[in-house]
Structure formats: structure tokens, C-alpha cells
Amino acid sequence: MIQEITGNRNISFLSAGFSGIPHMRYYYIFLFIAYFISFLGNSCLMFVIITDRNLHTPKYITVFNLSLTDICESTAVIPQLLDAFLFGNHLISYGLCMSNMLFVSVQSLTLTILSLDRLVAICLPLMYHVTVTHRSMLVMIGASWTLAITAAVFMTFFLQSYYVIMSVLFQVIIMFPVFCIIFSYTCIAVTLFRITTPQDRQGATKTCAAHLILVAVFYISSTLHNSLIILSLITALSPMLNSIINTFMAKEFMAFVKRLVKKRIMFSSKIPTVFQL
């Protein structure tokens, strides 16, 4: 539970959701491990996107941005909760709450950008490389950050109530992307029904599967933030699941892993030959 204790924007919330719960030390250990795995997984994902030239595509610019916001969101929440447990500091700053809302907003808008990417790829394949370019993707990502930052600044200086802030954020930043995603996949579904070849339909469905799972994880978790324990658990697990989904359900990443393993095997096979010489 998060209790509002003052109208001051510097310190305004009290985290009181963990008091009286037995064996909480084990939960915090689990929380730290989940946060560490999610941080490591998303960092590796970003590193692979940067280093592998095959992933320097508009789509993976957006995936990179999603991994970045996953790290930022979990980092904004989990260390604060660990601080509350280890040092008894149960006061959460207003700015920290706003930063968390900022990253959640960017995540929501980034998922919308990915849905538009899938919409053009499936419904307008001949226009994909003309419409979805590095420049257009960077413009949309920049616009999402600008919109989220503007909303956070507006809520910080013009809205004093935490509950009013949550209501405005939910209506503007969360629900609008939901309608955009529903519209995109409605168009995609209509296009898939028109595809006569089962192989083409299956291939198009696979390209959307990873994104649909990401959308489900994000929006289902957004409706479950009714307690601090659930909030902290989702904040730690959701980024970890995102990194796993983006890695194992993308053929480009699996191809990168196969190339890496192949190079490793070739390098290992050359070592005995060198020693024999």
C-alpha cells in the first residue's frame, strides 16, 4: 500500500505495503535476483543490437528503446524498495514516482510503435521499406519520449493529488495506445484472413506472436498494481520476461546466437592443432 502523507512534491508517499508480512527477507532476496536477471538480460539484449549489424533495422531500434525503458523502470522502483527493507527508509519521493510513470508511459507508446511496424509489414509489405525507415522510427521514439516527459512535467507542477495523476495517466497514456494496438491488430487480422496460403499466414502470425505476448504482459500487469508487493513483483519480472521473449522469439537473435556458437566451436577446434604444432 502506498499512503499519501503530504502535498509536497519532494517527499509525498509512504510505502507501507510490507509491514506485518512474515518471511519478507526471502521475498527481497528473490526480488533482488529477479531484478539482477532482468537488468543483465536487457543489457545483453541492447549490447547484441548495438554490435550485430544485422539488427541495425528500424524494428530493433524500437526493441532497443523498450529494453532501455525496462531497465530504467525497474531501476527506479526496485532499489527504492530494497532501501526500505535494508535501511528502514519507507519514504518515496514524488520525483521517483513521476520517473516511474514516465518510463511506463514510454513503454506503452513503444509497444504502440511496434504494433504500427507489424501493421505496415503485414498489411502494406510493398511500402514497408519506404515507410518504416530509421528516420521515421527515431522520430516516433523521440515523440513518445517528448509526450511522456511533457505529461510527467504537467502532472508534477499542475496536479497535486496522486490519485488524480494516476487517473489522468491511465486515460491518456495507457488507454490511447490500447486503442491504437487494437486497431492495428484488427487490420492485421483482416489481412490474415485474406491470405490463402497457410504457410504465408503462419509466417505472418509468427511475426506478431512476440509482440502480442509483450502487450499482454504489459497491460495485464498494469491492471494488477493494487498492492506494493504485486507492483514490485511485476516491476522485476516484467522486464525479465520481455528480454526473454525478445530473445527467443526473434529469428534474428537466434541466428546471432547460432553464429556465436559456431565461432566458438571453430575456435575450440583450432586450439589442439596449435598445441600440436
Protein backbone atom coordinates (compact mmCIF):
# COMPACT_ATOMS: atom_id res chain seq x y z
CA MET A 1 0.00 0.00 0.00
CA ILE A 2 1.22 3.50 -0.79
CA GLN A 3 -0.08 6.21 1.51
CA GLU A 4 0.00 9.87 0.54
CA ILE A 5 1.37 11.78 3.54
CA THR A 6 1.92 15.30 2.21
CA GLY A 7 1.23 17.56 -0.71
CA ASN A 8 4.89 18.45 -1.02
CA ARG A 9 6.41 17.32 -4.30
CA ASN A 10 9.72 16.47 -2.64
CA ILE A 11 8.51 13.67 -0.34
CA SER A 12 4.88 12.66 -0.58
CA PHE A 13 4.39 8.91 -0.26
CA LEU A 14 4.87 6.30 2.43
CA SER A 15 5.44 2.69 1.41
CA ALA A 16 3.62 0.60 3.97
CA GLY A 17 2.78 -2.49 1.98
CA PHE A 18 5.33 -4.88 3.53
CA SER A 19 4.70 -4.37 7.23
CA GLY A 20 3.46 -7.37 9.18
CA ILE A 21 4.18 -9.91 6.43
CA PRO A 22 6.24 -12.92 7.63
CA HIS A 23 9.43 -14.11 5.91
CA MET A 24 9.75 -10.94 3.86
CA ARG A 25 13.54 -11.28 3.77
CA TYR A 26 13.18 -14.21 1.36
CA TYR A 27 10.94 -12.14 -0.88
CA TYR A 28 13.53 -9.37 -1.02
CA ILE A 29 16.23 -11.87 -1.93
CA PHE A 30 14.02 -13.15 -4.73
CA LEU A 31 13.26 -9.57 -5.78
CA PHE A 32 16.96 -8.74 -6.00
CA ILE A 33 17.70 -11.87 -8.06
CA ALA A 34 14.82 -11.12 -10.44
CA TYR A 35 15.98 -7.53 -10.81
CA PHE A 36 19.57 -8.64 -11.46
CA ILE A 37 18.47 -11.14 -14.13
CA SER A 38 16.20 -8.59 -15.83
CA PHE A 39 18.95 -5.96 -15.78
CA LEU A 40 21.51 -8.40 -17.16
CA GLY A 41 19.12 -9.79 -19.79
CA ASN A 42 18.06 -6.40 -21.14
CA SER A 43 21.65 -5.14 -21.06
CA CYS A 44 22.79 -8.14 -23.12
CA LEU A 45 19.89 -7.56 -25.49
CA MET A 46 20.93 -3.94 -26.02
CA PHE A 47 24.57 -4.99 -26.46
CA VAL A 48 23.64 -7.52 -29.15
CA ILE A 49 21.54 -4.95 -31.02
CA ILE A 50 24.44 -2.49 -30.98
CA THR A 51 27.14 -4.97 -32.03
CA ASP A 52 25.28 -7.05 -34.63
CA ARG A 53 24.87 -5.14 -37.89
CA ASN A 54 22.06 -7.45 -38.98
CA LEU A 55 19.97 -5.96 -36.16
CA HIS A 56 20.53 -2.35 -37.20
CA THR A 57 16.96 -2.15 -38.51
CA PRO A 58 14.07 0.20 -37.64
CA LYS A 59 12.26 -2.55 -35.75
CA TYR A 60 15.20 -3.26 -33.45
CA ILE A 61 15.69 0.42 -32.75
CA THR A 62 12.29 0.18 -31.07
CA VAL A 63 13.21 -3.08 -29.32
CA PHE A 64 16.35 -1.36 -28.02
CA ASN A 65 14.22 1.50 -26.69
CA LEU A 66 11.87 -0.97 -24.99
CA SER A 67 14.79 -2.71 -23.27
CA LEU A 68 16.17 0.65 -22.16
CA THR A 69 12.86 1.69 -20.59
CA ASP A 70 12.55 -1.74 -18.95
CA ILE A 71 15.89 -1.20 -17.23
CA CYS A 72 15.00 2.37 -16.25
CA GLU A 73 11.60 1.44 -14.83
CA SER A 74 12.84 -1.46 -12.71
CA THR A 75 15.83 0.61 -11.55
CA ALA A 76 13.50 3.41 -10.47
CA VAL A 77 11.44 1.10 -8.23
CA ILE A 78 13.38 -1.96 -7.04
CA PRO A 79 16.40 -0.23 -5.40
CA GLN A 80 13.99 2.04 -3.52
CA LEU A 81 12.14 -0.98 -2.13
CA LEU A 82 15.41 -2.68 -1.19
CA ASP A 83 16.43 0.53 0.58
CA ALA A 84 13.15 0.46 2.51
CA PHE A 85 13.86 -3.11 3.61
CA LEU A 86 17.57 -2.79 4.43
CA PHE A 87 17.63 0.69 5.99
CA GLY A 88 14.01 1.27 7.01
CA ASN A 89 13.59 4.27 4.70
CA HIS A 90 9.90 3.98 3.80
CA LEU A 91 9.55 7.46 2.29
CA ILE A 92 9.31 7.52 -1.50
CA SER A 93 9.95 10.81 -3.26
CA TYR A 94 7.39 12.37 -5.54
CA GLY A 95 10.01 12.64 -8.28
CA LEU A 96 10.69 8.91 -8.11
CA CYS A 97 7.01 8.16 -8.65
CA MET A 98 6.92 10.56 -11.59
CA SER A 99 10.01 8.97 -13.15
CA ASN A 100 8.43 5.54 -12.83
CA MET A 101 5.28 6.83 -14.53
CA LEU A 102 7.44 8.36 -17.25
CA PHE A 103 9.05 5.03 -18.12
CA VAL A 104 5.71 3.20 -18.00
CA SER A 105 4.32 5.76 -20.44
CA VAL A 106 7.26 5.33 -22.81
CA GLN A 107 6.85 1.54 -22.64
CA SER A 108 3.19 1.84 -23.59
CA LEU A 109 3.95 4.15 -26.52
CA THR A 110 6.85 1.94 -27.66
CA LEU A 111 4.55 -1.09 -27.82
CA THR A 112 2.22 1.03 -29.95
CA ILE A 113 5.09 1.84 -32.33
CA LEU A 114 5.87 -1.88 -32.64
CA SER A 115 2.22 -2.59 -33.45
CA LEU A 116 2.35 0.01 -36.23
CA ASP A 117 5.54 -1.65 -37.50
CA ARG A 118 3.71 -5.01 -37.71
CA LEU A 119 0.70 -3.31 -39.32
CA VAL A 120 2.76 -1.92 -42.19
CA ALA A 121 4.83 -5.11 -42.54
CA ILE A 122 1.76 -7.34 -42.96
CA CYS A 123 -0.88 -5.08 -44.48
CA LEU A 124 1.38 -2.94 -46.69
CA PRO A 125 4.51 -5.06 -47.31
CA LEU A 126 5.48 -3.25 -50.51
CA MET A 127 5.59 0.06 -48.66
CA TYR A 128 7.41 -1.23 -45.59
CA HIS A 129 10.96 -0.25 -46.53
CA VAL A 130 9.75 3.13 -47.75
CA THR A 131 7.55 3.93 -44.75
CA VAL A 132 9.35 2.26 -41.86
CA THR A 133 12.83 3.78 -42.01
CA HIS A 134 15.45 4.54 -39.40
CA ARG A 135 14.47 8.18 -39.51
CA SER A 136 10.73 7.60 -39.13
CA MET A 137 11.30 5.19 -36.25
CA LEU A 138 13.63 7.61 -34.45
CA VAL A 139 11.07 10.38 -34.92
CA MET A 140 8.30 8.26 -33.39
CA ILE A 141 10.50 7.18 -30.48
CA GLY A 142 11.57 10.77 -29.89
CA ALA A 143 7.92 11.85 -29.99
CA SER A 144 6.99 9.19 -27.43
CA TRP A 145 9.69 10.39 -25.03
CA THR A 146 8.65 14.02 -25.58
CA LEU A 147 4.98 13.22 -24.91
CA ALA A 148 5.80 11.19 -21.80
CA ILE A 149 8.14 13.85 -20.40
CA THR A 150 5.59 16.59 -21.11
CA ALA A 151 2.88 14.59 -19.33
CA ALA A 152 5.18 13.98 -16.34
CA VAL A 153 6.06 17.68 -16.08
CA PHE A 154 2.39 18.66 -16.34
CA MET A 155 1.41 16.20 -13.62
CA THR A 156 4.26 17.35 -11.40
CA PHE A 157 3.52 21.07 -11.48
CA PHE A 158 -0.23 21.24 -12.09
CA LEU A 159 -1.70 18.19 -10.33
CA GLN A 160 -1.23 17.73 -6.59
CA SER A 161 -3.23 14.56 -5.93
CA TYR A 162 -1.63 11.18 -6.56
CA TYR A 163 -4.98 9.62 -7.44
CA VAL A 164 -5.80 12.35 -9.98
CA ILE A 165 -2.38 11.78 -11.53
CA MET A 166 -2.96 8.04 -11.82
CA SER A 167 -6.38 8.63 -13.40
CA VAL A 168 -5.03 11.07 -16.00
CA LEU A 169 -2.04 8.82 -16.78
CA PHE A 170 -4.29 5.79 -17.22
CA GLN A 171 -6.73 7.58 -19.52
CA VAL A 172 -4.25 9.45 -21.74
CA ILE A 173 -1.01 7.46 -21.78
CA ILE A 174 -2.26 3.91 -21.27
CA MET A 175 -5.71 3.69 -22.87
CA PHE A 176 -4.95 5.62 -26.07
CA PRO A 177 -2.15 3.20 -27.08
CA VAL A 178 -4.50 0.30 -26.29
CA PHE A 179 -6.97 1.55 -28.89
CA CYS A 180 -4.14 2.02 -31.40
CA ILE A 181 -2.90 -1.53 -30.82
CA ILE A 182 -6.42 -2.96 -31.12
CA PHE A 183 -6.92 -1.06 -34.38
CA SER A 184 -3.58 -2.31 -35.74
CA TYR A 185 -4.30 -5.95 -34.97
CA THR A 186 -7.85 -5.68 -36.28
CA CYS A 187 -6.40 -4.62 -39.63
CA ILE A 188 -3.78 -7.37 -39.39
CA ALA A 189 -6.46 -9.99 -38.64
CA VAL A 190 -8.49 -8.91 -41.67
CA THR A 191 -5.38 -9.16 -43.84
CA LEU A 192 -4.51 -12.61 -42.47
CA PHE A 193 -7.97 -13.93 -43.34
CA ARG A 194 -7.42 -12.80 -46.91
CA ILE A 195 -4.16 -14.73 -47.18
CA THR A 196 -4.94 -18.01 -48.91
CA THR A 197 -1.62 -19.79 -48.40
CA PRO A 198 -1.35 -21.45 -44.95
CA GLN A 199 2.43 -21.05 -44.91
CA ASP A 200 2.21 -17.29 -45.50
CA ARG A 201 -0.48 -16.99 -42.84
CA GLN A 202 1.62 -18.94 -40.36
CA GLY A 203 4.67 -16.82 -41.10
CA ALA A 204 2.73 -13.60 -40.61
CA THR A 205 1.28 -14.89 -37.35
CA LYS A 206 4.74 -15.73 -36.01
CA THR A 207 5.93 -12.19 -36.64
CA CYS A 208 3.15 -10.88 -34.39
CA ALA A 209 3.35 -13.52 -31.64
CA ALA A 210 6.24 -11.98 -29.70
CA HIS A 211 4.71 -8.50 -29.77
CA LEU A 212 1.29 -9.79 -28.67
CA ILE A 213 2.89 -11.53 -25.69
CA LEU A 214 4.74 -8.34 -24.77
CA VAL A 215 1.47 -6.38 -24.98
CA ALA A 216 -0.33 -8.96 -22.83
CA VAL A 217 2.41 -8.95 -20.17
CA PHE A 218 2.48 -5.15 -20.02
CA TYR A 219 -1.23 -4.39 -19.92
CA ILE A 220 -2.25 -7.28 -17.69
CA SER A 221 0.44 -6.27 -15.21
CA SER A 222 -0.73 -2.64 -15.41
CA THR A 223 -4.13 -3.65 -14.06
CA LEU A 224 -2.64 -5.55 -11.09
CA HIS A 225 -0.86 -2.66 -9.34
CA ASN A 226 -3.27 -2.74 -6.39
CA SER A 227 -0.63 -3.56 -3.79
CA LEU A 228 3.03 -2.77 -3.30
CA ILE A 229 4.05 -6.44 -3.35
CA ILE A 230 2.37 -7.05 -6.71
CA LEU A 231 3.79 -3.79 -8.05
CA SER A 232 7.34 -4.71 -7.04
CA LEU A 233 6.97 -8.26 -8.32
CA ILE A 234 5.68 -7.14 -11.71
CA THR A 235 8.29 -4.39 -11.95
CA ALA A 236 11.02 -7.02 -11.51
CA LEU A 237 9.54 -9.87 -13.55
CA SER A 238 8.02 -7.98 -16.49
CA PRO A 239 11.38 -6.63 -17.82
CA MET A 240 12.91 -10.08 -17.37
CA LEU A 241 10.09 -11.68 -19.38
CA ASN A 242 10.40 -9.01 -22.05
CA SER A 243 14.09 -9.75 -22.56
CA ILE A 244 13.40 -13.50 -22.77
CA ILE A 245 10.54 -13.03 -25.24
CA ASN A 246 12.51 -10.64 -27.45
CA THR A 247 15.48 -13.00 -27.47
CA PHE A 248 13.96 -16.43 -28.02
CA MET A 249 11.01 -15.48 -30.24
CA ALA A 250 13.02 -13.42 -32.73
CA LYS A 251 14.74 -15.34 -35.50
CA GLU A 252 17.37 -12.60 -35.86
CA PHE A 253 18.54 -13.12 -32.28
CA MET A 254 18.57 -16.88 -32.63
CA ALA A 255 20.64 -16.51 -35.80
CA PHE A 256 23.09 -14.33 -33.86
CA VAL A 257 23.34 -17.00 -31.13
CA LYS A 258 23.93 -19.72 -33.72
CA ARG A 259 26.71 -17.70 -35.35
CA LEU A 260 28.28 -17.08 -31.95
CA VAL A 261 28.17 -20.78 -31.03
CA LYS A 262 29.58 -21.72 -34.42
CA LYS A 263 32.51 -19.33 -34.00
CA ARG A 264 33.11 -20.73 -30.51
CA ILE A 265 33.20 -24.30 -31.81
CA MET A 266 35.55 -23.36 -34.65
CA PHE A 267 37.86 -21.57 -32.22
CA SER A 268 37.88 -24.55 -29.84
CA SER A 269 38.66 -26.96 -32.66
CA LYS A 270 41.73 -24.92 -33.66
CA ILE A 271 43.30 -24.95 -30.18
CA PRO A 272 44.54 -28.61 -30.22
CA THR A 273 46.04 -28.07 -33.70
CA VAL A 274 48.03 -25.10 -32.44
CA PHE A 275 49.39 -27.09 -29.49
CA GLN A 276 50.39 -29.98 -31.75
CA LEU A 277 52.47 -27.63 -33.85
